[in-house]
Each structure stands twice: as C-alpha cells, then as structure tokens.
C-alpha cells in the first residue's frame, strides 16, 4: 500500500539559500503549490527558485530576501506573513 502524498498550498522555508533550508526546499517542492524561500542572499534564492520551478512544473517559488536576525527585517517579515493570511477580496 502506498503512503498518500502530502499536498500543501504554501510552505515557508527560512534559511533556504544553503544547508538544511536548501535541502528542505528540494525535498518539499513536490508537495507544495508554492514555496516561499527566505534568506539573506536574494541572488542565491532567485537561482534556487528558478531551478525548483524548472524541476517541478506547476510549482510557484517565491523569494523573500530577509535577515530575520535584524529587527526591522523581522518587522517587515511579520507584516508580509500577515498579508499572506488575508482572505482574497
């Protein structure tokens, strides 16, 4: 008996530009309609997003360059995630 595949509308991954975060992005990509990739290095995130979208047709990979150790960046991230939860008009 096969295990059912999990499917998520959106998965947010912090530290996605390298290491475990990058590995999680690759592993979770087949299970998401959208991946939101967050890390300080926007250029690396954009390259990863393009590679994941190419490898997984139908996936939307969004990039949010942000240093979550910086208070102003954390405030921006908080506002942005609140916007993600908003119901469409």
PDB file of N, CA and C in Angstrom:
ATOM      1  N   UNK A   1       0.838  -1.181   0.000  1.00  0.00           N
ATOM      2  CA  UNK A   1       0.000   0.000   0.000  1.00  0.00           C
ATOM      3  C   UNK A   1       0.882   1.243   0.000  1.00  0.00           C
ATOM      4  N   UNK A   2       0.588   2.175  -0.906  1.00  0.00           N
ATOM      5  CA  UNK A   2       1.380   3.396  -0.990  1.00  0.00           C
ATOM      6  C   UNK A   2       0.929   4.407   0.055  1.00  0.00           C
ATOM      7  N   UNK A   3       1.887   5.136   0.586  1.00  0.00           N
ATOM      8  CA  UNK A   3       1.582   6.220   1.503  1.00  0.00           C
ATOM      9  C   UNK A   3       1.075   7.400   0.692  1.00  0.00           C
ATOM     10  N   UNK A   4      -0.039   8.031   1.092  1.00  0.00           N
ATOM     11  CA  UNK A   4      -0.537   9.172   0.316  1.00  0.00           C
ATOM     12  C   UNK A   4       0.454  10.327   0.364  1.00  0.00           C
ATOM     13  N   UNK A   5       0.554  11.034  -0.755  1.00  0.00           N
ATOM     14  CA  UNK A   5       1.440  12.190  -0.816  1.00  0.00           C
ATOM     15  C   UNK A   5       0.771  13.381  -0.158  1.00  0.00           C
ATOM     16  N   UNK A   6       1.519  14.100   0.630  1.00  0.00           N
ATOM     17  CA  UNK A   6       1.000  15.311   1.253  1.00  0.00           C
ATOM     18  C   UNK A   6       1.021  16.439   0.230  1.00  0.00           C
ATOM     19  N   UNK A   7       0.042  17.301   0.295  1.00  0.00           N
ATOM     20  CA  UNK A   7      -0.013  18.454  -0.596  1.00  0.00           C
ATOM     21  C   UNK A   7      -0.358  19.692   0.219  1.00  0.00           C
ATOM     22  N   UNK A   8       0.439  20.718   0.073  1.00  0.00           N
ATOM     23  CA  UNK A   8       0.241  21.963   0.812  1.00  0.00           C
ATOM     24  C   UNK A   8       0.100  23.107  -0.178  1.00  0.00           C
ATOM     25  N   UNK A   9      -0.713  24.103   0.190  1.00  0.00           N
ATOM     26  CA  UNK A   9      -0.835  25.285  -0.651  1.00  0.00           C
ATOM     27  C   UNK A   9       0.459  26.087  -0.640  1.00  0.00           C
ATOM     28  N   UNK A  10       0.995  26.295   0.554  1.00  0.00           N
ATOM     29  CA  UNK A  10       2.195  27.135   0.688  1.00  0.00           C
ATOM     30  C   UNK A  10       3.068  26.603   1.807  1.00  0.00           C
ATOM     31  N   UNK A  11       4.360  26.515   1.528  1.00  0.00           N
ATOM     32  CA  UNK A  11       5.346  26.142   2.538  1.00  0.00           C
ATOM     33  C   UNK A  11       6.371  27.272   2.605  1.00  0.00           C
ATOM     34  N   UNK A  12       6.636  27.763   3.803  1.00  0.00           N
ATOM     35  CA  UNK A  12       7.616  28.833   4.013  1.00  0.00           C
ATOM     36  C   UNK A  12       8.870  28.204   4.599  1.00  0.00           C
ATOM     37  N   UNK A  13      10.008  28.456   3.946  1.00  0.00           N
ATOM     38  CA  UNK A  13      11.281  27.883   4.388  1.00  0.00           C
ATOM     39  C   UNK A  13      12.275  29.011   4.644  1.00  0.00           C
ATOM     40  N   UNK A  14      12.727  29.113   5.890  1.00  0.00           N
ATOM     41  CA  UNK A  14      13.746  30.106   6.226  1.00  0.00           C
ATOM     42  C   UNK A  14      15.123  29.461   6.087  1.00  0.00           C
ATOM     43  N   UNK A  15      16.115  30.292   5.832  1.00  0.00           N
ATOM     44  CA  UNK A  15      17.465  29.775   5.629  1.00  0.00           C
ATOM     45  C   UNK A  15      17.575  28.946   4.365  1.00  0.00           C
ATOM     46  N   UNK A  16      16.782  29.289   3.356  1.00  0.00           N
ATOM     47  CA  UNK A  16      16.647  28.452   2.164  1.00  0.00           C
ATOM     48  C   UNK A  16      17.809  28.545   1.184  1.00  0.00           C
ATOM     49  N   UNK A  17      18.733  29.449   1.395  1.00  0.00           N
ATOM     50  CA  UNK A  17      19.794  29.630   0.395  1.00  0.00           C
ATOM     51  C   UNK A  17      20.907  28.591   0.488  1.00  0.00           C
ATOM     52  N   UNK A  18      20.956  27.815   1.576  1.00  0.00           N
ATOM     53  CA  UNK A  18      22.017  26.806   1.701  1.00  0.00           C
ATOM     54  C   UNK A  18      21.675  25.823   2.805  1.00  0.00           C
ATOM     55  N   UNK A  19      22.473  24.795   2.910  1.00  0.00           N
ATOM     56  CA  UNK A  19      22.369  23.842   4.009  1.00  0.00           C
ATOM     57  C   UNK A  19      21.028  23.150   4.104  1.00  0.00           C
ATOM     58  N   UNK A  20      20.548  22.989   5.354  1.00  0.00           N
ATOM     59  CA  UNK A  20      19.287  22.298   5.587  1.00  0.00           C
ATOM     60  C   UNK A  20      18.119  22.990   4.891  1.00  0.00           C
ATOM     61  N   UNK A  21      18.092  24.332   4.916  1.00  0.00           N
ATOM     62  CA  UNK A  21      16.997  25.063   4.279  1.00  0.00           C
ATOM     63  C   UNK A  21      16.902  24.765   2.798  1.00  0.00           C
ATOM     64  N   UNK A  22      18.022  24.751   2.124  1.00  0.00           N
ATOM     65  CA  UNK A  22      18.034  24.428   0.691  1.00  0.00           C
ATOM     66  C   UNK A  22      17.594  22.981   0.468  1.00  0.00           C
ATOM     67  N   UNK A  23      18.059  22.079   1.324  1.00  0.00           N
ATOM     68  CA  UNK A  23      17.671  20.668   1.211  1.00  0.00           C
ATOM     69  C   UNK A  23      16.170  20.497   1.449  1.00  0.00           C
ATOM     70  N   UNK A  24      15.632  21.204   2.443  1.00  0.00           N
ATOM     71  CA  UNK A  24      14.185  21.137   2.698  1.00  0.00           C
ATOM     72  C   UNK A  24      13.403  21.636   1.485  1.00  0.00           C
ATOM     73  N   UNK A  25      13.881  22.708   0.873  1.00  0.00           N
ATOM     74  CA  UNK A  25      13.194  23.251  -0.299  1.00  0.00           C
ATOM     75  C   UNK A  25      13.112  22.203  -1.404  1.00  0.00           C
ATOM     76  N   UNK A  26      14.209  21.527  -1.665  1.00  0.00           N
ATOM     77  CA  UNK A  26      14.212  20.492  -2.699  1.00  0.00           C
ATOM     78  C   UNK A  26      13.336  19.308  -2.343  1.00  0.00           C
ATOM     79  N   UNK A  27      13.325  18.937  -1.077  1.00  0.00           N
ATOM     80  CA  UNK A  27      12.527  17.795  -0.631  1.00  0.00           C
ATOM     81  C   UNK A  27      11.035  18.108  -0.617  1.00  0.00           C
ATOM     82  N   UNK A  28      10.679  19.326  -0.212  1.00  0.00           N
ATOM     83  CA  UNK A  28       9.268  19.685  -0.071  1.00  0.00           C
ATOM     84  C   UNK A  28       8.631  20.208  -1.354  1.00  0.00           C
ATOM     85  N   UNK A  29       9.441  20.581  -2.323  1.00  0.00           N
ATOM     86  CA  UNK A  29       8.914  21.156  -3.571  1.00  0.00           C
ATOM     87  C   UNK A  29       7.830  20.308  -4.232  1.00  0.00           C
ATOM     88  N   UNK A  30       7.964  18.984  -4.298  1.00  0.00           N
ATOM     89  CA  UNK A  30       6.907  18.199  -4.950  1.00  0.00           C
ATOM     90  C   UNK A  30       5.581  18.181  -4.171  1.00  0.00           C
ATOM     91  N   UNK A  31       5.604  18.673  -2.946  1.00  0.00           N
ATOM     92  CA  UNK A  31       4.425  18.603  -2.082  1.00  0.00           C
ATOM     93  C   UNK A  31       3.743  19.952  -1.886  1.00  0.00           C
ATOM     94  N   UNK A  32       4.142  20.951  -2.649  1.00  0.00           N
ATOM     95  CA  UNK A  32       3.615  22.298  -2.439  1.00  0.00           C
ATOM     96  C   UNK A  32       3.176  22.929  -3.753  1.00  0.00           C
ATOM     97  N   UNK A  33       2.140  23.744  -3.660  1.00  0.00           N
ATOM     98  CA  UNK A  33       1.762  24.576  -4.795  1.00  0.00           C
ATOM     99  C   UNK A  33       2.704  25.778  -4.857  1.00  0.00           C
ATOM    100  N   UNK A  34       3.128  26.258  -3.676  1.00  0.00           N
ATOM    101  CA  UNK A  34       4.037  27.401  -3.613  1.00  0.00           C
ATOM    102  C   UNK A  34       5.046  27.188  -2.497  1.00  0.00           C
ATOM    103  N   UNK A  35       6.291  27.479  -2.805  1.00  0.00           N
ATOM    104  CA  UNK A  35       7.344  27.555  -1.792  1.00  0.00           C
ATOM    105  C   UNK A  35       7.709  29.021  -1.625  1.00  0.00           C
ATOM    106  N   UNK A  36       7.827  29.472  -0.394  1.00  0.00           N
ATOM    107  CA  UNK A  36       8.327  30.808  -0.113  1.00  0.00           C
ATOM    108  C   UNK A  36       9.709  30.622   0.486  1.00  0.00           C
ATOM    109  N   UNK A  37      10.715  31.079  -0.246  1.00  0.00           N
ATOM    110  CA  UNK A  37      12.110  30.892   0.149  1.00  0.00           C
ATOM    111  C   UNK A  37      12.623  32.171   0.796  1.00  0.00           C
ATOM    112  N   UNK A  38      13.150  32.037   2.011  1.00  0.00           N
ATOM    113  CA  UNK A  38      13.605  33.190   2.781  1.00  0.00           C
ATOM    114  C   UNK A  38      15.051  32.973   3.213  1.00  0.00           C
ATOM    115  N   UNK A  39      15.868  33.982   2.980  1.00  0.00           N
ATOM    116  CA  UNK A  39      17.262  34.002   3.440  1.00  0.00           C
ATOM    117  C   UNK A  39      17.822  35.383   3.140  1.00  0.00           C
ATOM    118  N   UNK A  40      19.026  35.637   3.598  1.00  0.00           N
ATOM    119  CA  UNK A  40      19.637  36.945   3.371  1.00  0.00           C
ATOM    120  C   UNK A  40      20.070  37.148   1.928  1.00  0.00           C
ATOM    121  N   UNK A  41      20.501  36.092   1.262  1.00  0.00           N
ATOM    122  CA  UNK A  41      21.086  36.224  -0.077  1.00  0.00           C
ATOM    123  C   UNK A  41      20.018  36.090  -1.166  1.00  0.00           C
ATOM    124  N   UNK A  42      19.493  37.218  -1.605  1.00  0.00           N
ATOM    125  CA  UNK A  42      18.433  37.228  -2.610  1.00  0.00           C
ATOM    126  C   UNK A  42      18.846  36.615  -3.936  1.00  0.00           C
ATOM    127  N   UNK A  43      20.094  36.841  -4.363  1.00  0.00           N
ATOM    128  CA  UNK A  43      20.550  36.287  -5.646  1.00  0.00           C
ATOM    129  C   UNK A  43      20.524  34.763  -5.627  1.00  0.00           C
ATOM    130  N   UNK A  44      21.005  34.179  -4.554  1.00  0.00           N
ATOM    131  CA  UNK A  44      21.011  32.717  -4.434  1.00  0.00           C
ATOM    132  C   UNK A  44      19.573  32.200  -4.362  1.00  0.00           C
ATOM    133  N   UNK A  45      18.705  32.911  -3.640  1.00  0.00           N
ATOM    134  CA  UNK A  45      17.304  32.500  -3.554  1.00  0.00           C
ATOM    135  C   UNK A  45      16.637  32.501  -4.924  1.00  0.00           C
ATOM    136  N   UNK A  46      16.893  33.533  -5.713  1.00  0.00           N
ATOM    137  CA  UNK A  46      16.292  33.609  -7.055  1.00  0.00           C
ATOM    138  C   UNK A  46      16.776  32.463  -7.938  1.00  0.00           C
ATOM    139  N   UNK A  47      18.050  32.115  -7.843  1.00  0.00           N
ATOM    140  CA  UNK A  47      18.578  30.983  -8.620  1.00  0.00           C
ATOM    141  C   UNK A  47      17.932  29.678  -8.170  1.00  0.00           C
ATOM    142  N   UNK A  48      17.794  29.493  -6.867  1.00  0.00           N
ATOM    143  CA  UNK A  48      17.154  28.287  -6.338  1.00  0.00           C
ATOM    144  C   UNK A  48      15.697  28.219  -6.774  1.00  0.00           C
ATOM    145  N   UNK A  49      14.993  29.339  -6.695  1.00  0.00           N
ATOM    146  CA  UNK A  49      13.584  29.372  -7.092  1.00  0.00           C
ATOM    147  C   UNK A  49      13.432  28.980  -8.562  1.00  0.00           C
ATOM    148  N   UNK A  50      14.281  29.523  -9.416  1.00  0.00           N
ATOM    149  CA  UNK A  50      14.206  29.198 -10.846  1.00  0.00           C
ATOM    150  C   UNK A  50      14.484  27.716 -11.078  1.00  0.00           C
ATOM    151  N   UNK A  51      15.478  27.170 -10.385  1.00  0.00           N
ATOM    152  CA  UNK A  51      15.819  25.748 -10.549  1.00  0.00           C
ATOM    153  C   UNK A  51      14.677  24.853 -10.071  1.00  0.00           C
ATOM    154  N   UNK A  52      14.060  25.204  -8.949  1.00  0.00           N
ATOM    155  CA  UNK A  52      12.959  24.398  -8.421  1.00  0.00           C
ATOM    156  C   UNK A  52      11.744  24.452  -9.336  1.00  0.00           C
ATOM    157  N   UNK A  53      11.432  25.635  -9.853  1.00  0.00           N
ATOM    158  CA  UNK A  53      10.292  25.763 -10.766  1.00  0.00           C
ATOM    159  C   UNK A  53      10.526  24.970 -12.053  1.00  0.00           C
ATOM    160  N   UNK A  54      11.765  24.950 -12.518  1.00  0.00           N
ATOM    161  CA  UNK A  54      12.085  24.186 -13.727  1.00  0.00           C
ATOM    162  C   UNK A  54      11.957  22.683 -13.455  1.00  0.00           C
ATOM    163  N   UNK A  55      12.415  22.247 -12.309  1.00  0.00           N
ATOM    164  CA  UNK A  55      12.401  20.836 -11.940  1.00  0.00           C
ATOM    165  C   UNK A  55      10.997  20.341 -11.584  1.00  0.00           C
ATOM    166  N   UNK A  56      10.138  21.249 -11.122  1.00  0.00           N
ATOM    167  CA  UNK A  56       8.796  20.871 -10.651  1.00  0.00           C
ATOM    168  C   UNK A  56       7.754  21.745 -11.348  1.00  0.00           C
ATOM    169  N   UNK A  57       7.341  21.381 -12.561  1.00  0.00           N
ATOM    170  CA  UNK A  57       6.351  22.184 -13.281  1.00  0.00           C
ATOM    171  C   UNK A  57       5.089  22.375 -12.444  1.00  0.00           C
ATOM    172  N   UNK A  58       4.572  23.581 -12.455  1.00  0.00           N
ATOM    173  CA  UNK A  58       3.389  23.905 -11.667  1.00  0.00           C
ATOM    174  C   UNK A  58       3.715  24.498 -10.311  1.00  0.00           C
ATOM    175  N   UNK A  59       4.955  24.361  -9.861  1.00  0.00           N
ATOM    176  CA  UNK A  59       5.375  24.944  -8.589  1.00  0.00           C
ATOM    177  C   UNK A  59       5.605  26.435  -8.768  1.00  0.00           C
ATOM    178  N   UNK A  60       5.155  27.206  -7.806  1.00  0.00           N
ATOM    179  CA  UNK A  60       5.491  28.632  -7.756  1.00  0.00           C
ATOM    180  C   UNK A  60       6.480  28.801  -6.610  1.00  0.00           C
ATOM    181  N   UNK A  61       7.658  29.302  -6.912  1.00  0.00           N
ATOM    182  CA  UNK A  61       8.672  29.537  -5.880  1.00  0.00           C
ATOM    183  C   UNK A  61       8.846  31.043  -5.716  1.00  0.00           C
ATOM    184  N   UNK A  62       8.428  31.560  -4.574  1.00  0.00           N
ATOM    185  CA  UNK A  62       8.538  32.981  -4.269  1.00  0.00           C
ATOM    186  C   UNK A  62       9.788  33.220  -3.434  1.00  0.00           C
ATOM    187  N   UNK A  63      10.358  34.394  -3.587  1.00  0.00           N
ATOM    188  CA  UNK A  63      11.600  34.745  -2.903  1.00  0.00           C
ATOM    189  C   UNK A  63      11.348  35.949  -2.001  1.00  0.00           C
ATOM    190  N   UNK A  64      11.826  35.849  -0.766  1.00  0.00           N
ATOM    191  CA  UNK A  64      11.717  36.960   0.176  1.00  0.00           C
ATOM    192  C   UNK A  64      13.081  37.141   0.844  1.00  0.00           C
ATOM    193  N   UNK A  65      13.974  37.971   0.240  1.00  0.00           N
ATOM    194  CA  UNK A  65      15.277  38.199   0.874  1.00  0.00           C
ATOM    195  C   UNK A  65      15.087  38.952   2.186  1.00  0.00           C
ATOM    196  N   UNK A  66      15.597  38.388   3.252  1.00  0.00           N
ATOM    197  CA  UNK A  66      15.342  38.958   4.569  1.00  0.00           C
ATOM    198  C   UNK A  66      16.339  38.391   5.574  1.00  0.00           C
ATOM    199  N   UNK A  67      16.843  39.250   6.441  1.00  0.00           N
ATOM    200  CA  UNK A  67      17.692  38.808   7.552  1.00  0.00           C
ATOM    201  C   UNK A  67      16.832  38.784   8.807  1.00  0.00           C
ATOM    202  N   UNK A  68      16.394  37.612   9.205  1.00  0.00           N
ATOM    203  CA  UNK A  68      15.479  37.504  10.339  1.00  0.00           C
ATOM    204  C   UNK A  68      16.142  37.829  11.676  1.00  0.00           C
ATOM    205  N   UNK A  69      17.463  38.017  11.686  1.00  0.00           N
ATOM    206  CA  UNK A  69      18.155  38.441  12.900  1.00  0.00           C
ATOM    207  C   UNK A  69      18.095  39.966  13.063  1.00  0.00           C
ATOM    208  N   UNK A  70      17.684  40.672  12.005  1.00  0.00           N
ATOM    209  CA  UNK A  70      17.576  42.130  12.020  1.00  0.00           C
ATOM    210  C   UNK A  70      16.145  42.521  12.396  1.00  0.00           C
ATOM    211  N   UNK A  71      15.993  43.369  13.396  1.00  0.00           N
ATOM    212  CA  UNK A  71      14.666  43.699  13.909  1.00  0.00           C
ATOM    213  C   UNK A  71      13.766  44.341  12.848  1.00  0.00           C
ATOM    214  N   UNK A  72      14.304  45.249  12.047  1.00  0.00           N
ATOM    215  CA  UNK A  72      13.497  45.890  11.006  1.00  0.00           C
ATOM    216  C   UNK A  72      13.061  44.867   9.955  1.00  0.00           C
ATOM    217  N   UNK A  73      13.965  43.965   9.586  1.00  0.00           N
ATOM    218  CA  UNK A  73      13.612  42.916   8.626  1.00  0.00           C
ATOM    219  C   UNK A  73      12.557  41.981   9.211  1.00  0.00           C
ATOM    220  N   UNK A  74      12.686  41.679  10.480  1.00  0.00           N
ATOM    221  CA  UNK A  74      11.719  40.807  11.140  1.00  0.00           C
ATOM    222  C   UNK A  74      10.334  41.465  11.159  1.00  0.00           C
ATOM    223  N   UNK A  75      10.297  42.778  11.397  1.00  0.00           N
ATOM    224  CA  UNK A  75       9.019  43.503  11.357  1.00  0.00           C
ATOM    225  C   UNK A  75       8.398  43.421   9.966  1.00  0.00           C
ATOM    226  N   UNK A  76       9.208  43.610   8.930  1.00  0.00           N
ATOM    227  CA  UNK A  76       8.728  43.517   7.549  1.00  0.00           C
ATOM    228  C   UNK A  76       8.216  42.117   7.259  1.00  0.00           C
ATOM    229  N   UNK A  77       8.938  41.112   7.723  1.00  0.00           N
ATOM    230  CA  UNK A  77       8.518  39.726   7.526  1.00  0.00           C
ATOM    231  C   UNK A  77       7.183  39.473   8.216  1.00  0.00           C
ATOM    232  N   UNK A  78       7.024  39.986   9.423  1.00  0.00           N
ATOM    233  CA  UNK A  78       5.776  39.812  10.170  1.00  0.00           C
ATOM    234  C   UNK A  78       4.594  40.421   9.404  1.00  0.00           C
ATOM    235  N   UNK A  79       4.769  41.619   8.888  1.00  0.00           N
ATOM    236  CA  UNK A  79       3.713  42.277   8.107  1.00  0.00           C
ATOM    237  C   UNK A  79       3.405  41.461   6.858  1.00  0.00           C
ATOM    238  N   UNK A  80       4.444  40.982   6.203  1.00  0.00           N
ATOM    239  CA  UNK A  80       4.272  40.210   4.973  1.00  0.00           C
ATOM    240  C   UNK A  80       3.510  38.911   5.240  1.00  0.00           C
ATOM    241  N   UNK A  81       3.839  38.215   6.325  1.00  0.00           N
ATOM    242  CA  UNK A  81       3.123  36.968   6.623  1.00  0.00           C
ATOM    243  C   UNK A  81       1.674  37.240   7.002  1.00  0.00           C
ATOM    244  N   UNK A  82       1.405  38.372   7.634  1.00  0.00           N
ATOM    245  CA  UNK A  82       0.014  38.737   7.939  1.00  0.00           C
ATOM    246  C   UNK A  82      -0.750  38.940   6.633  1.00  0.00           C
ATOM    247  N   UNK A  83      -0.110  39.535   5.644  1.00  0.00           N
ATOM    248  CA  UNK A  83      -0.730  39.730   4.333  1.00  0.00           C
ATOM    249  C   UNK A  83      -1.026  38.386   3.678  1.00  0.00           C
ATOM    250  N   UNK A  84      -0.160  37.400   3.835  1.00  0.00           N
ATOM    251  CA  UNK A  84      -0.383  36.084   3.250  1.00  0.00           C
ATOM    252  C   UNK A  84      -1.629  35.424   3.806  1.00  0.00           C
ATOM    253  N   UNK A  85      -1.943  35.696   5.064  1.00  0.00           N
ATOM    254  CA  UNK A  85      -3.110  35.089   5.694  1.00  0.00           C
ATOM    255  C   UNK A  85      -4.407  35.791   5.338  1.00  0.00           C
ATOM    256  N   UNK A  86      -4.328  36.968   4.716  1.00  0.00           N
ATOM    257  CA  UNK A  86      -5.530  37.736   4.392  1.00  0.00           C
ATOM    258  C   UNK A  86      -6.374  36.986   3.357  1.00  0.00           C
ATOM    259  N   UNK A  87      -7.668  37.092   3.515  1.00  0.00           N
ATOM    260  CA  UNK A  87      -8.590  36.466   2.567  1.00  0.00           C
ATOM    261  C   UNK A  87      -8.654  37.324   1.306  1.00  0.00           C
ATOM    262  N   UNK A  88      -8.694  36.692   0.135  1.00  0.00           N
ATOM    263  CA  UNK A  88      -8.811  37.468  -1.107  1.00  0.00           C
ATOM    264  C   UNK A  88     -10.156  38.185  -1.177  1.00  0.00           C
ATOM    265  N   UNK A  89     -10.175  39.308  -1.849  1.00  0.00           N
ATOM    266  CA  UNK A  89     -11.417  40.094  -1.996  1.00  0.00           C
ATOM    267  C   UNK A  89     -12.351  39.425  -2.986  1.00  0.00           C
TER     268      UNK A  89
END
